[in-house]
Amino acid sequence: MCTYAFVHYKLHYACVSCRIGFKRHPRDAGHTCPRCAAPLPCAGHDFAAPRRSDRKAWSVVAAVLGAGLRYEGFEPCGCGRDPKFRPRTRAQVRARRVITARTGVPLAELLGRADPLEPR
């Protein structure tokens, strides 16, 4: 039975420049930040916003969302329960950027791997 099939859960949206997160119902038109009126990127179902004062953690969130990834613990239909890896520190993001420069593998793919050197 699908976890997300029968109930429409709110999704997390984050404004990286204001360093705040919101939960909103998904809709066709984009959501905007109430503080700066910038478009809010969707961060997924399982996003946990860091504290506003934690600039280092927000820089990691900016890198993940900038690569087009979301924080999801389930597959979109809810059947798969395999949690997705997302970096938590700037050192993890930096290491994946170095490997991207050396190997040419897209950054979005490496940000989703727990071990960036392990081939898929």
PDB file of N, CA and C in Angstrom:
ATOM      1  N   MET A   1       0.836  -1.167   0.000  1.00  0.00           N
ATOM      2  CA  MET A   1       0.000   0.000   0.000  1.00  0.00           C
ATOM      3  C   MET A   1       0.889   1.240   0.000  1.00  0.00           C
ATOM      4  N   CYS A   2       0.583   2.195  -0.827  1.00  0.00           N
ATOM      5  CA  CYS A   2       1.388   3.402  -0.963  1.00  0.00           C
ATOM      6  C   CYS A   2       1.179   4.344   0.219  1.00  0.00           C
ATOM      7  N   THR A   3       2.262   4.880   0.749  1.00  0.00           N
ATOM      8  CA  THR A   3       2.183   5.796   1.875  1.00  0.00           C
ATOM      9  C   THR A   3       1.556   7.123   1.473  1.00  0.00           C
ATOM     10  N   TYR A   4       1.951   7.655   0.322  1.00  0.00           N
ATOM     11  CA  TYR A   4       1.487   8.970  -0.109  1.00  0.00           C
ATOM     12  C   TYR A   4       0.308   8.898  -1.074  1.00  0.00           C
ATOM     13  N   ALA A   5      -0.300   7.740  -1.263  1.00  0.00           N
ATOM     14  CA  ALA A   5      -1.327   7.594  -2.289  1.00  0.00           C
ATOM     15  C   ALA A   5      -2.676   8.176  -1.881  1.00  0.00           C
ATOM     16  N   PHE A   6      -3.055   8.060  -0.635  1.00  0.00           N
ATOM     17  CA  PHE A   6      -4.407   8.440  -0.229  1.00  0.00           C
ATOM     18  C   PHE A   6      -4.484   9.785   0.481  1.00  0.00           C
ATOM     19  N   VAL A   7      -3.387  10.249   1.041  1.00  0.00           N
ATOM     20  CA  VAL A   7      -3.370  11.500   1.767  1.00  0.00           C
ATOM     21  C   VAL A   7      -2.449  12.468   1.034  1.00  0.00           C
ATOM     22  N   HIS A   8      -2.887  13.697   0.869  1.00  0.00           N
ATOM     23  CA  HIS A   8      -2.064  14.702   0.215  1.00  0.00           C
ATOM     24  C   HIS A   8      -1.313  15.485   1.285  1.00  0.00           C
ATOM     25  N   TYR A   9      -0.060  15.112   1.497  1.00  0.00           N
ATOM     26  CA  TYR A   9       0.763  15.751   2.506  1.00  0.00           C
ATOM     27  C   TYR A   9       1.298  17.078   1.991  1.00  0.00           C
ATOM     28  N   LYS A  10       1.562  17.983   2.908  1.00  0.00           N
ATOM     29  CA  LYS A  10       2.209  19.235   2.540  1.00  0.00           C
ATOM     30  C   LYS A  10       3.678  18.965   2.256  1.00  0.00           C
ATOM     31  N   LEU A  11       4.235  19.722   1.344  1.00  0.00           N
ATOM     32  CA  LEU A  11       5.648  19.625   1.019  1.00  0.00           C
ATOM     33  C   LEU A  11       6.402  20.760   1.694  1.00  0.00           C
ATOM     34  N   HIS A  12       7.693  20.542   1.917  1.00  0.00           N
ATOM     35  CA  HIS A  12       8.543  21.575   2.492  1.00  0.00           C
ATOM     36  C   HIS A  12       9.098  22.435   1.368  1.00  0.00           C
ATOM     37  N   TYR A  13       9.076  23.731   1.571  1.00  0.00           N
ATOM     38  CA  TYR A  13       9.671  24.697   0.654  1.00  0.00           C
ATOM     39  C   TYR A  13      10.657  25.518   1.470  1.00  0.00           C
ATOM     40  N   ALA A  14      11.781  25.904   0.852  1.00  0.00           N
ATOM     41  CA  ALA A  14      12.816  26.623   1.584  1.00  0.00           C
ATOM     42  C   ALA A  14      13.271  27.849   0.811  1.00  0.00           C
ATOM     43  N   CYS A  15      13.447  28.937   1.528  1.00  0.00           N
ATOM     44  CA  CYS A  15      14.051  30.147   0.975  1.00  0.00           C
ATOM     45  C   CYS A  15      15.467  30.214   1.536  1.00  0.00           C
ATOM     46  N   VAL A  16      16.438  29.972   0.683  1.00  0.00           N
ATOM     47  CA  VAL A  16      17.821  29.902   1.135  1.00  0.00           C
ATOM     48  C   VAL A  16      18.339  31.291   1.488  1.00  0.00           C
ATOM     49  N   SER A  17      17.938  32.316   0.758  1.00  0.00           N
ATOM     50  CA  SER A  17      18.437  33.660   1.047  1.00  0.00           C
ATOM     51  C   SER A  17      17.920  34.177   2.395  1.00  0.00           C
ATOM     52  N   CYS A  18      16.687  33.871   2.750  1.00  0.00           N
ATOM     53  CA  CYS A  18      16.121  34.274   4.056  1.00  0.00           C
ATOM     54  C   CYS A  18      16.410  33.242   5.141  1.00  0.00           C
ATOM     55  N   ARG A  19      16.825  32.049   4.733  1.00  0.00           N
ATOM     56  CA  ARG A  19      17.115  30.925   5.629  1.00  0.00           C
ATOM     57  C   ARG A  19      15.900  30.543   6.469  1.00  0.00           C
ATOM     58  N   ILE A  20      14.769  30.294   5.783  1.00  0.00           N
ATOM     59  CA  ILE A  20      13.556  29.824   6.447  1.00  0.00           C
ATOM     60  C   ILE A  20      12.886  28.756   5.593  1.00  0.00           C
ATOM     61  N   GLY A  21      12.114  27.913   6.237  1.00  0.00           N
ATOM     62  CA  GLY A  21      11.389  26.859   5.545  1.00  0.00           C
ATOM     63  C   GLY A  21       9.909  26.946   5.830  1.00  0.00           C
ATOM     64  N   PHE A  22       9.110  26.460   4.878  1.00  0.00           N
ATOM     65  CA  PHE A  22       7.654  26.482   4.989  1.00  0.00           C
ATOM     66  C   PHE A  22       7.101  25.144   4.547  1.00  0.00           C
ATOM     67  N   LYS A  23       5.910  24.824   5.018  1.00  0.00           N
ATOM     68  CA  LYS A  23       5.163  23.671   4.519  1.00  0.00           C
ATOM     69  C   LYS A  23       3.953  24.206   3.787  1.00  0.00           C
ATOM     70  N   ARG A  24       3.807  23.789   2.537  1.00  0.00           N
ATOM     71  CA  ARG A  24       2.700  24.250   1.710  1.00  0.00           C
ATOM     72  C   ARG A  24       2.141  23.070   0.931  1.00  0.00           C
ATOM     73  N   HIS A  25       0.868  23.171   0.573  1.00  0.00           N
ATOM     74  CA  HIS A  25       0.281  22.175  -0.309  1.00  0.00           C
ATOM     75  C   HIS A  25       0.840  22.382  -1.713  1.00  0.00           C
ATOM     76  N   PRO A  26       1.186  21.306  -2.401  1.00  0.00           N
ATOM     77  CA  PRO A  26       1.687  21.472  -3.762  1.00  0.00           C
ATOM     78  C   PRO A  26       0.586  21.969  -4.683  1.00  0.00           C
ATOM     79  N   ARG A  27       0.955  22.813  -5.606  1.00  0.00           N
ATOM     80  CA  ARG A  27       0.009  23.318  -6.593  1.00  0.00           C
ATOM     81  C   ARG A  27       0.785  23.633  -7.863  1.00  0.00           C
ATOM     82  N   ASP A  28       0.071  23.965  -8.907  1.00  0.00           N
ATOM     83  CA  ASP A  28       0.718  24.199 -10.187  1.00  0.00           C
ATOM     84  C   ASP A  28       1.559  25.470 -10.183  1.00  0.00           C
ATOM     85  N   ALA A  29       1.029  26.559  -9.652  1.00  0.00           N
ATOM     86  CA  ALA A  29       1.765  27.817  -9.618  1.00  0.00           C
ATOM     87  C   ALA A  29       2.832  27.757  -8.528  1.00  0.00           C
ATOM     88  N   GLY A  30       3.924  28.441  -8.745  1.00  0.00           N
ATOM     89  CA  GLY A  30       5.017  28.419  -7.784  1.00  0.00           C
ATOM     90  C   GLY A  30       4.692  29.203  -6.522  1.00  0.00           C
ATOM     91  N   HIS A  31       5.283  28.787  -5.431  1.00  0.00           N
ATOM     92  CA  HIS A  31       5.134  29.482  -4.159  1.00  0.00           C
ATOM     93  C   HIS A  31       6.212  30.556  -4.062  1.00  0.00           C
ATOM     94  N   THR A  32       5.917  31.632  -3.354  1.00  0.00           N
ATOM     95  CA  THR A  32       6.895  32.693  -3.149  1.00  0.00           C
ATOM     96  C   THR A  32       7.126  32.899  -1.661  1.00  0.00           C
ATOM     97  N   CYS A  33       8.309  33.386  -1.339  1.00  0.00           N
ATOM     98  CA  CYS A  33       8.677  33.663   0.046  1.00  0.00           C
ATOM     99  C   CYS A  33       7.921  34.893   0.530  1.00  0.00           C
ATOM    100  N   PRO A  34       7.295  34.838   1.711  1.00  0.00           N
ATOM    101  CA  PRO A  34       6.578  36.008   2.210  1.00  0.00           C
ATOM    102  C   PRO A  34       7.506  37.141   2.654  1.00  0.00           C
ATOM    103  N   ARG A  35       8.785  36.843   2.869  1.00  0.00           N
ATOM    104  CA  ARG A  35       9.720  37.875   3.319  1.00  0.00           C
ATOM    105  C   ARG A  35      10.372  38.615   2.158  1.00  0.00           C
ATOM    106  N   CYS A  36      10.812  37.864   1.128  1.00  0.00           N
ATOM    107  CA  CYS A  36      11.556  38.503   0.042  1.00  0.00           C
ATOM    108  C   CYS A  36      10.873  38.360  -1.315  1.00  0.00           C
ATOM    109  N   ALA A  37       9.779  37.639  -1.404  1.00  0.00           N
ATOM    110  CA  ALA A  37       9.002  37.426  -2.630  1.00  0.00           C
ATOM    111  C   ALA A  37       9.762  36.655  -3.702  1.00  0.00           C
ATOM    112  N   ALA A  38      10.810  35.951  -3.321  1.00  0.00           N
ATOM    113  CA  ALA A  38      11.544  35.105  -4.260  1.00  0.00           C
ATOM    114  C   ALA A  38      10.817  33.772  -4.395  1.00  0.00           C
ATOM    115  N   PRO A  39      10.961  33.093  -5.533  1.00  0.00           N
ATOM    116  CA  PRO A  39      10.315  31.785  -5.668  1.00  0.00           C
ATOM    117  C   PRO A  39      10.924  30.775  -4.698  1.00  0.00           C
ATOM    118  N   LEU A  40      10.066  29.940  -4.117  1.00  0.00           N
ATOM    119  CA  LEU A  40      10.516  28.931  -3.161  1.00  0.00           C
ATOM    120  C   LEU A  40      10.737  27.602  -3.871  1.00  0.00           C
ATOM    121  N   PRO A  41      11.948  27.049  -3.811  1.00  0.00           N
ATOM    122  CA  PRO A  41      12.141  25.714  -4.367  1.00  0.00           C
ATOM    123  C   PRO A  41      11.567  24.656  -3.434  1.00  0.00           C
ATOM    124  N   CYS A  42      11.040  23.600  -4.019  1.00  0.00           N
ATOM    125  CA  CYS A  42      10.492  22.505  -3.235  1.00  0.00           C
ATOM    126  C   CYS A  42      11.637  21.686  -2.659  1.00  0.00           C
ATOM    127  N   ALA A  43      11.615  21.472  -1.345  1.00  0.00           N
ATOM    128  CA  ALA A  43      12.676  20.725  -0.683  1.00  0.00           C
ATOM    129  C   ALA A  43      12.286  19.278  -0.415  1.00  0.00           C
ATOM    130  N   GLY A  44      11.049  18.889  -0.667  1.00  0.00           N
ATOM    131  CA  GLY A  44      10.633  17.506  -0.503  1.00  0.00           C
ATOM    132  C   GLY A  44       9.844  17.267   0.769  1.00  0.00           C
ATOM    133  N   HIS A  45       9.486  16.005   0.977  1.00  0.00           N
ATOM    134  CA  HIS A  45       8.679  15.633   2.139  1.00  0.00           C
ATOM    135  C   HIS A  45       9.486  15.602   3.432  1.00  0.00           C
ATOM    136  N   ASP A  46      10.759  15.249   3.367  1.00  0.00           N
ATOM    137  CA  ASP A  46      11.535  14.972   4.573  1.00  0.00           C
ATOM    138  C   ASP A  46      12.610  16.012   4.862  1.00  0.00           C
ATOM    139  N   PHE A  47      12.401  17.240   4.441  1.00  0.00           N
ATOM    140  CA  PHE A  47      13.366  18.308   4.688  1.00  0.00           C
ATOM    141  C   PHE A  47      13.229  18.801   6.125  1.00  0.00           C
ATOM    142  N   ALA A  48      14.344  18.962   6.787  1.00  0.00           N
ATOM    143  CA  ALA A  48      14.373  19.543   8.130  1.00  0.00           C
ATOM    144  C   ALA A  48      15.242  20.785   8.045  1.00  0.00           C
ATOM    145  N   ALA A  49      14.624  21.938   8.155  1.00  0.00           N
ATOM    146  CA  ALA A  49      15.356  23.196   8.006  1.00  0.00           C
ATOM    147  C   ALA A  49      16.323  23.386   9.171  1.00  0.00           C
ATOM    148  N   PRO A  50      17.558  23.779   8.867  1.00  0.00           N
ATOM    149  CA  PRO A  50      18.489  24.089   9.962  1.00  0.00           C
ATOM    150  C   PRO A  50      18.101  25.392  10.653  1.00  0.00           C
ATOM    151  N   ARG A  51      18.742  25.677  11.756  1.00  0.00           N
ATOM    152  CA  ARG A  51      18.484  26.940  12.450  1.00  0.00           C
ATOM    153  C   ARG A  51      18.871  28.100  11.535  1.00  0.00           C
ATOM    154  N   ARG A  52      18.175  29.193  11.688  1.00  0.00           N
ATOM    155  CA  ARG A  52      18.424  30.366  10.836  1.00  0.00           C
ATOM    156  C   ARG A  52      19.846  30.882  11.012  1.00  0.00           C
ATOM    157  N   SER A  53      20.417  30.750  12.195  1.00  0.00           N
ATOM    158  CA  SER A  53      21.768  31.260  12.456  1.00  0.00           C
ATOM    159  C   SER A  53      22.868  30.346  11.926  1.00  0.00           C
ATOM    160  N   ASP A  54      22.530  29.145  11.505  1.00  0.00           N
ATOM    161  CA  ASP A  54      23.523  28.181  11.029  1.00  0.00           C
ATOM    162  C   ASP A  54      23.770  28.373   9.529  1.00  0.00           C
ATOM    163  N   ARG A  55      24.642  29.308   9.197  1.00  0.00           N
ATOM    164  CA  ARG A  55      24.925  29.642   7.796  1.00  0.00           C
ATOM    165  C   ARG A  55      25.589  28.484   7.054  1.00  0.00           C
ATOM    166  N   LYS A  56      26.420  27.726   7.737  1.00  0.00           N
ATOM    167  CA  LYS A  56      27.112  26.607   7.083  1.00  0.00           C
ATOM    168  C   LYS A  56      26.123  25.537   6.633  1.00  0.00           C
ATOM    169  N   ALA A  57      25.171  25.220   7.476  1.00  0.00           N
ATOM    170  CA  ALA A  57      24.173  24.215   7.106  1.00  0.00           C
ATOM    171  C   ALA A  57      23.298  24.711   5.960  1.00  0.00           C
ATOM    172  N   TRP A  58      22.963  26.006   5.951  1.00  0.00           N
ATOM    173  CA  TRP A  58      22.153  26.552   4.859  1.00  0.00           C
ATOM    174  C   TRP A  58      22.937  26.576   3.548  1.00  0.00           C
ATOM    175  N   SER A  59      24.267  26.690   3.610  1.00  0.00           N
ATOM    176  CA  SER A  59      25.045  26.625   2.374  1.00  0.00           C
ATOM    177  C   SER A  59      24.993  25.221   1.779  1.00  0.00           C
ATOM    178  N   VAL A  60      24.912  24.207   2.629  1.00  0.00           N
ATOM    179  CA  VAL A  60      24.765  22.831   2.155  1.00  0.00           C
ATOM    180  C   VAL A  60      23.380  22.641   1.536  1.00  0.00           C
ATOM    181  N   VAL A  61      22.352  23.181   2.188  1.00  0.00           N
ATOM    182  CA  VAL A  61      20.992  23.104   1.647  1.00  0.00           C
ATOM    183  C   VAL A  61      20.927  23.805   0.288  1.00  0.00           C
ATOM    184  N   ALA A  62      21.601  24.948   0.163  1.00  0.00           N
ATOM    185  CA  ALA A  62      21.623  25.674  -1.107  1.00  0.00           C
ATOM    186  C   ALA A  62      22.289  24.849  -2.200  1.00  0.00           C
ATOM    187  N   ALA A  63      23.351  24.125  -1.860  1.00  0.00           N
ATOM    188  CA  ALA A  63      24.027  23.286  -2.849  1.00  0.00           C
ATOM    189  C   ALA A  63      23.137  22.125  -3.299  1.00  0.00           C
ATOM    190  N   VAL A  64      22.448  21.503  -2.356  1.00  0.00           N
ATOM    191  CA  VAL A  64      21.581  20.367  -2.685  1.00  0.00           C
ATOM    192  C   VAL A  64      20.389  20.822  -3.531  1.00  0.00           C
ATOM    193  N   LEU A  65      19.716  21.888  -3.099  1.00  0.00           N
ATOM    194  CA  LEU A  65      18.561  22.378  -3.850  1.00  0.00           C
ATOM    195  C   LEU A  65      18.980  22.981  -5.188  1.00  0.00           C
ATOM    196  N   GLY A  66      20.163  23.595  -5.226  1.00  0.00           N
ATOM    197  CA  GLY A  66      20.679  24.160  -6.470  1.00  0.00           C
ATOM    198  C   GLY A  66      21.001  23.096  -7.503  1.00  0.00           C
ATOM    199  N   ALA A  67      21.322  21.895  -7.040  1.00  0.00           N
ATOM    200  CA  ALA A  67      21.607  20.785  -7.952  1.00  0.00           C
ATOM    201  C   ALA A  67      20.325  20.123  -8.446  1.00  0.00           C
ATOM    202  N   GLY A  68      19.177  20.581  -7.935  1.00  0.00           N
ATOM    203  CA  GLY A  68      17.900  20.024  -8.370  1.00  0.00           C
ATOM    204  C   GLY A  68      17.437  18.821  -7.585  1.00  0.00           C
ATOM    205  N   LEU A  69      18.061  18.558  -6.447  1.00  0.00           N
ATOM    206  CA  LEU A  69      17.683  17.421  -5.612  1.00  0.00           C
ATOM    207  C   LEU A  69      16.693  17.863  -4.542  1.00  0.00           C
ATOM    208  N   ARG A  70      15.977  16.888  -4.002  1.00  0.00           N
ATOM    209  CA  ARG A  70      15.039  17.134  -2.916  1.00  0.00           C
ATOM    210  C   ARG A  70      15.349  16.177  -1.778  1.00  0.00           C
ATOM    211  N   TYR A  71      14.874  16.510  -0.614  1.00  0.00           N
ATOM    212  CA  TYR A  71      15.042  15.660   0.561  1.00  0.00           C
ATOM    213  C   TYR A  71      13.841  14.730   0.643  1.00  0.00           C
ATOM    214  N   GLU A  72      14.006  13.532   0.146  1.00  0.00           N
ATOM    215  CA  GLU A  72      12.937  12.536   0.121  1.00  0.00           C
ATOM    216  C   GLU A  72      13.422  11.261   0.780  1.00  0.00           C
ATOM    217  N   GLY A  73      12.607  10.713   1.674  1.00  0.00           N
ATOM    218  CA  GLY A  73      12.916   9.439   2.289  1.00  0.00           C
ATOM    219  C   GLY A  73      12.155   8.306   1.638  1.00  0.00           C
ATOM    220  N   PHE A  74      11.132   8.635   0.888  1.00  0.00           N
ATOM    221  CA  PHE A  74      10.312   7.652   0.206  1.00  0.00           C
ATOM    222  C   PHE A  74      10.363   7.910  -1.294  1.00  0.00           C
ATOM    223  N   GLU A  75       9.998   6.903  -2.029  1.00  0.00           N
ATOM    224  CA  GLU A  75       9.790   7.097  -3.452  1.00  0.00           C
ATOM    225  C   GLU A  75       8.560   7.991  -3.618  1.00  0.00           C
ATOM    226  N   PRO A  76       8.384   8.621  -4.777  1.00  0.00           N
ATOM    227  CA  PRO A  76       7.223   9.510  -4.941  1.00  0.00           C
ATOM    228  C   PRO A  76       5.879   8.835  -4.663  1.00  0.00           C
ATOM    229  N   CYS A  77       5.757   7.554  -4.957  1.00  0.00           N
ATOM    230  CA  CYS A  77       4.484   6.894  -4.686  1.00  0.00           C
ATOM    231  C   CYS A  77       4.406   6.401  -3.238  1.00  0.00           C
ATOM    232  N   GLY A  78       5.534   6.336  -2.536  1.00  0.00           N
ATOM    233  CA  GLY A  78       5.529   5.923  -1.144  1.00  0.00           C
ATOM    234  C   GLY A  78       5.813   4.457  -0.925  1.00  0.00           C
ATOM    235  N   CYS A  79       5.998   3.702  -1.990  1.00  0.00           N
ATOM    236  CA  CYS A  79       6.216   2.264  -1.839  1.00  0.00           C
ATOM    237  C   CYS A  79       7.626   1.944  -1.359  1.00  0.00           C
ATOM    238  N   GLY A  80       8.618   2.634  -1.875  1.00  0.00           N
ATOM    239  CA  GLY A  80       9.999   2.376  -1.497  1.00  0.00           C
ATOM    240  C   GLY A  80      10.350   3.088  -0.206  1.00  0.00           C
ATOM    241  N   ARG A  81      10.950   2.388   0.718  1.00  0.00           N
ATOM    242  CA  ARG A  81      11.292   2.987   2.004  1.00  0.00           C
ATOM    243  C   ARG A  81      12.795   3.141   2.170  1.00  0.00           C
ATOM    244  N   ASP A  82      13.533   3.211   1.087  1.00  0.00           N
ATOM    245  CA  ASP A  82      14.973   3.363   1.141  1.00  0.00           C
ATOM    246  C   ASP A  82      15.304   4.847   1.273  1.00  0.00           C
ATOM    247  N   PRO A  83      15.869   5.282   2.414  1.00  0.00           N
ATOM    248  CA  PRO A  83      16.162   6.712   2.574  1.00  0.00           C
ATOM    249  C   PRO A  83      17.256   7.152   1.602  1.00  0.00           C
ATOM    250  N   LYS A  84      17.108   8.361   1.103  1.00  0.00           N
ATOM    251  CA  LYS A  84      18.072   8.924   0.170  1.00  0.00           C
ATOM    252  C   LYS A  84      19.155   9.672   0.947  1.00  0.00           C
ATOM    253  N   PHE A  85      20.396   9.546   0.502  1.00  0.00           N
ATOM    254  CA  PHE A  85      21.495  10.260   1.136  1.00  0.00           C
ATOM    255  C   PHE A  85      21.531  11.698   0.629  1.00  0.00           C
ATOM    256  N   ARG A  86      21.738  12.622   1.521  1.00  0.00           N
ATOM    257  CA  ARG A  86      21.996  14.017   1.193  1.00  0.00           C
ATOM    258  C   ARG A  86      23.120  14.487   2.108  1.00  0.00           C
ATOM    259  N   PRO A  87      24.088  15.243   1.582  1.00  0.00           N
ATOM    260  CA  PRO A  87      25.190  15.707   2.439  1.00  0.00           C
ATOM    261  C   PRO A  87      24.697  16.619   3.546  1.00  0.00           C
ATOM    262  N   ARG A  88      25.398  16.574   4.672  1.00  0.00           N
ATOM    263  CA  ARG A  88      25.011  17.395   5.817  1.00  0.00           C
ATOM    264  C   ARG A  88      26.064  18.452   6.151  1.00  0.00           C
ATOM    265  N   THR A  89      27.279  18.282   5.655  1.00  0.00           N
ATOM    266  CA  THR A  89      28.342  19.227   5.974  1.00  0.00           C
ATOM    267  C   THR A  89      28.935  19.807   4.695  1.00  0.00           C
ATOM    268  N   ARG A  90      29.603  20.956   4.858  1.00  0.00           N
ATOM    269  CA  ARG A  90      30.251  21.571   3.705  1.00  0.00           C
ATOM    270  C   ARG A  90      31.423  20.742   3.219  1.00  0.00           C
ATOM    271  N   ALA A  91      32.054  19.984   4.111  1.00  0.00           N
ATOM    272  CA  ALA A  91      33.161  19.120   3.703  1.00  0.00           C
ATOM    273  C   ALA A  91      32.676  18.025   2.746  1.00  0.00           C
ATOM    274  N   GLN A  92      31.499  17.482   3.006  1.00  0.00           N
ATOM    275  CA  GLN A  92      30.935  16.473   2.106  1.00  0.00           C
ATOM    276  C   GLN A  92      30.614  17.077   0.741  1.00  0.00           C
ATOM    277  N   VAL A  93      30.084  18.283   0.710  1.00  0.00           N
ATOM    278  CA  VAL A  93      29.792  18.947  -0.566  1.00  0.00           C
ATOM    279  C   VAL A  93      31.088  19.269  -1.298  1.00  0.00           C
ATOM    280  N   ARG A  94      32.084  19.764  -0.573  1.00  0.00           N
ATOM    281  CA  ARG A  94      33.376  20.104  -1.171  1.00  0.00           C
ATOM    282  C   ARG A  94      34.038  18.876  -1.788  1.00  0.00           C
ATOM    283  N   ALA A  95      34.000  17.748  -1.085  1.00  0.00           N
ATOM    284  CA  ALA A  95      34.606  16.523  -1.609  1.00  0.00           C
ATOM    285  C   ALA A  95      33.912  16.074  -2.892  1.00  0.00           C
ATOM    286  N   ARG A  96      32.608  16.210  -2.944  1.00  0.00           N
ATOM    287  CA  ARG A  96      31.875  15.818  -4.151  1.00  0.00           C
ATOM    288  C   ARG A  96      32.130  16.779  -5.309  1.00  0.00           C
ATOM    289  N   ARG A  97      32.356  18.047  -5.019  1.00  0.00           N
ATOM    290  CA  ARG A  97      32.712  18.994  -6.083  1.00  0.00           C
ATOM    291  C   ARG A  97      34.089  18.693  -6.660  1.00  0.00           C
ATOM    292  N   VAL A  98      35.030  18.287  -5.807  1.00  0.00           N
ATOM    293  CA  VAL A  98      36.370  17.918  -6.281  1.00  0.00           C
ATOM    294  C   VAL A  98      36.290  16.695  -7.184  1.00  0.00           C
ATOM    295  N   ILE A  99      35.519  15.707  -6.782  1.00  0.00           N
ATOM    296  CA  ILE A  99      35.375  14.489  -7.579  1.00  0.00           C
ATOM    297  C   ILE A  99      34.678  14.796  -8.895  1.00  0.00           C
ATOM    298  N   THR A 100      33.711  15.717  -8.880  1.00  0.00           N
ATOM    299  CA  THR A 100      33.044  16.132 -10.113  1.00  0.00           C
ATOM    300  C   THR A 100      34.040  16.761 -11.074  1.00  0.00           C
ATOM    301  N   ALA A 101      34.925  17.613 -10.557  1.00  0.00           N
ATOM    302  CA  ALA A 101      35.921  18.263 -11.410  1.00  0.00           C
ATOM    303  C   ALA A 101      36.906  17.246 -11.985  1.00  0.00           C
ATOM    304  N   ARG A 102      37.242  16.224 -11.223  1.00  0.00           N
ATOM    305  CA  ARG A 102      38.220  15.228 -11.679  1.00  0.00           C
ATOM    306  C   ARG A 102      37.627  14.215 -12.654  1.00  0.00           C
ATOM    307  N   THR A 103      36.405  13.769 -12.376  1.00  0.00           N
ATOM    308  CA  THR A 103      35.845  12.668 -13.160  1.00  0.00           C
ATOM    309  C   THR A 103      34.839  13.105 -14.206  1.00  0.00           C
ATOM    310  N   GLY A 104      34.220  14.260 -14.029  1.00  0.00           N
ATOM    311  CA  GLY A 104      33.209  14.712 -14.970  1.00  0.00           C
ATOM    312  C   GLY A 104      31.815  14.166 -14.694  1.00  0.00           C
ATOM    313  N   VAL A 105      31.648  13.441 -13.601  1.00  0.00           N
ATOM    314  CA  VAL A 105      30.328  12.943 -13.205  1.00  0.00           C
ATOM    315  C   VAL A 105      29.508  14.137 -12.728  1.00  0.00           C
ATOM    316  N   PRO A 106      28.236  14.251 -13.102  1.00  0.00           N
ATOM    317  CA  PRO A 106      27.433  15.405 -12.670  1.00  0.00           C
ATOM    318  C   PRO A 106      27.347  15.521 -11.154  1.00  0.00           C
ATOM    319  N   LEU A 107      27.361  16.761 -10.673  1.00  0.00           N
ATOM    320  CA  LEU A 107      27.331  17.018  -9.231  1.00  0.00           C
ATOM    321  C   LEU A 107      26.052  16.490  -8.598  1.00  0.00           C
ATOM    322  N   ALA A 108      24.936  16.598  -9.290  1.00  0.00           N
ATOM    323  CA  ALA A 108      23.665  16.118  -8.732  1.00  0.00           C
ATOM    324  C   ALA A 108      23.721  14.622  -8.447  1.00  0.00           C
ATOM    325  N   GLU A 109      24.393  13.880  -9.304  1.00  0.00           N
ATOM    326  CA  GLU A 109      24.508  12.433  -9.083  1.00  0.00           C
ATOM    327  C   GLU A 109      25.395  12.130  -7.881  1.00  0.00           C
ATOM    328  N   LEU A 110      26.493  12.868  -7.727  1.00  0.00           N
ATOM    329  CA  LEU A 110      27.397  12.621  -6.602  1.00  0.00           C
ATOM    330  C   LEU A 110      26.811  13.089  -5.273  1.00  0.00           C
ATOM    331  N   LEU A 111      25.986  14.127  -5.289  1.00  0.00           N
ATOM    332  CA  LEU A 111      25.362  14.578  -4.043  1.00  0.00           C
ATOM    333  C   LEU A 111      24.359  13.560  -3.513  1.00  0.00           C
ATOM    334  N   GLY A 112      23.886  12.684  -4.351  1.00  0.00           N
ATOM    335  CA  GLY A 112      22.945  11.659  -3.931  1.00  0.00           C
ATOM    336  C   GLY A 112      23.590  10.356  -3.500  1.00  0.00           C
ATOM    337  N   ARG A 113      24.900  10.283  -3.577  1.00  0.00           N
ATOM    338  CA  ARG A 113      25.633   9.064  -3.173  1.00  0.00           C
ATOM    339  C   ARG A 113      26.234   9.211  -1.791  1.00  0.00           C
ATOM    340  N   ALA A 114      26.117   8.158  -0.992  1.00  0.00           N
ATOM    341  CA  ALA A 114      26.759   8.167   0.329  1.00  0.00           C
ATOM    342  C   ALA A 114      28.267   8.090   0.182  1.00  0.00           C
ATOM    343  N   ASP A 115      28.753   7.271  -0.753  1.00  0.00           N
ATOM    344  CA  ASP A 115      30.180   7.164  -1.035  1.00  0.00           C
ATOM    345  C   ASP A 115      30.386   7.634  -2.481  1.00  0.00           C
ATOM    346  N   PRO A 116      30.936   8.835  -2.661  1.00  0.00           N
ATOM    347  CA  PRO A 116      31.038   9.368  -4.022  1.00  0.00           C
ATOM    348  C   PRO A 116      32.008   8.623  -4.925  1.00  0.00           C
ATOM    349  N   LEU A 117      32.933   7.863  -4.346  1.00  0.00           N
ATOM    350  CA  LEU A 117      33.909   7.131  -5.154  1.00  0.00           C
ATOM    351  C   LEU A 117      33.377   5.776  -5.627  1.00  0.00           C
ATOM    352  N   GLU A 118      32.312   5.328  -5.036  1.00  0.00           N
ATOM    353  CA  GLU A 118      31.722   4.041  -5.424  1.00  0.00           C
ATOM    354  C   GLU A 118      30.961   4.201  -6.749  1.00  0.00           C
ATOM    355  N   PRO A 119      31.303   3.397  -7.756  1.00  0.00           N
ATOM    356  CA  PRO A 119      30.586   3.524  -9.026  1.00  0.00           C
ATOM    357  C   PRO A 119      29.169   2.981  -8.909  1.00  0.00           C
ATOM    358  N   ARG A 120      28.277   3.557  -9.689  1.00  0.00           N
ATOM    359  CA  ARG A 120      26.876   3.101  -9.660  1.00  0.00           C
ATOM    360  C   ARG A 120      26.673   1.948 -10.551  1.00  0.00           C
TER     361      ARG A 120
END
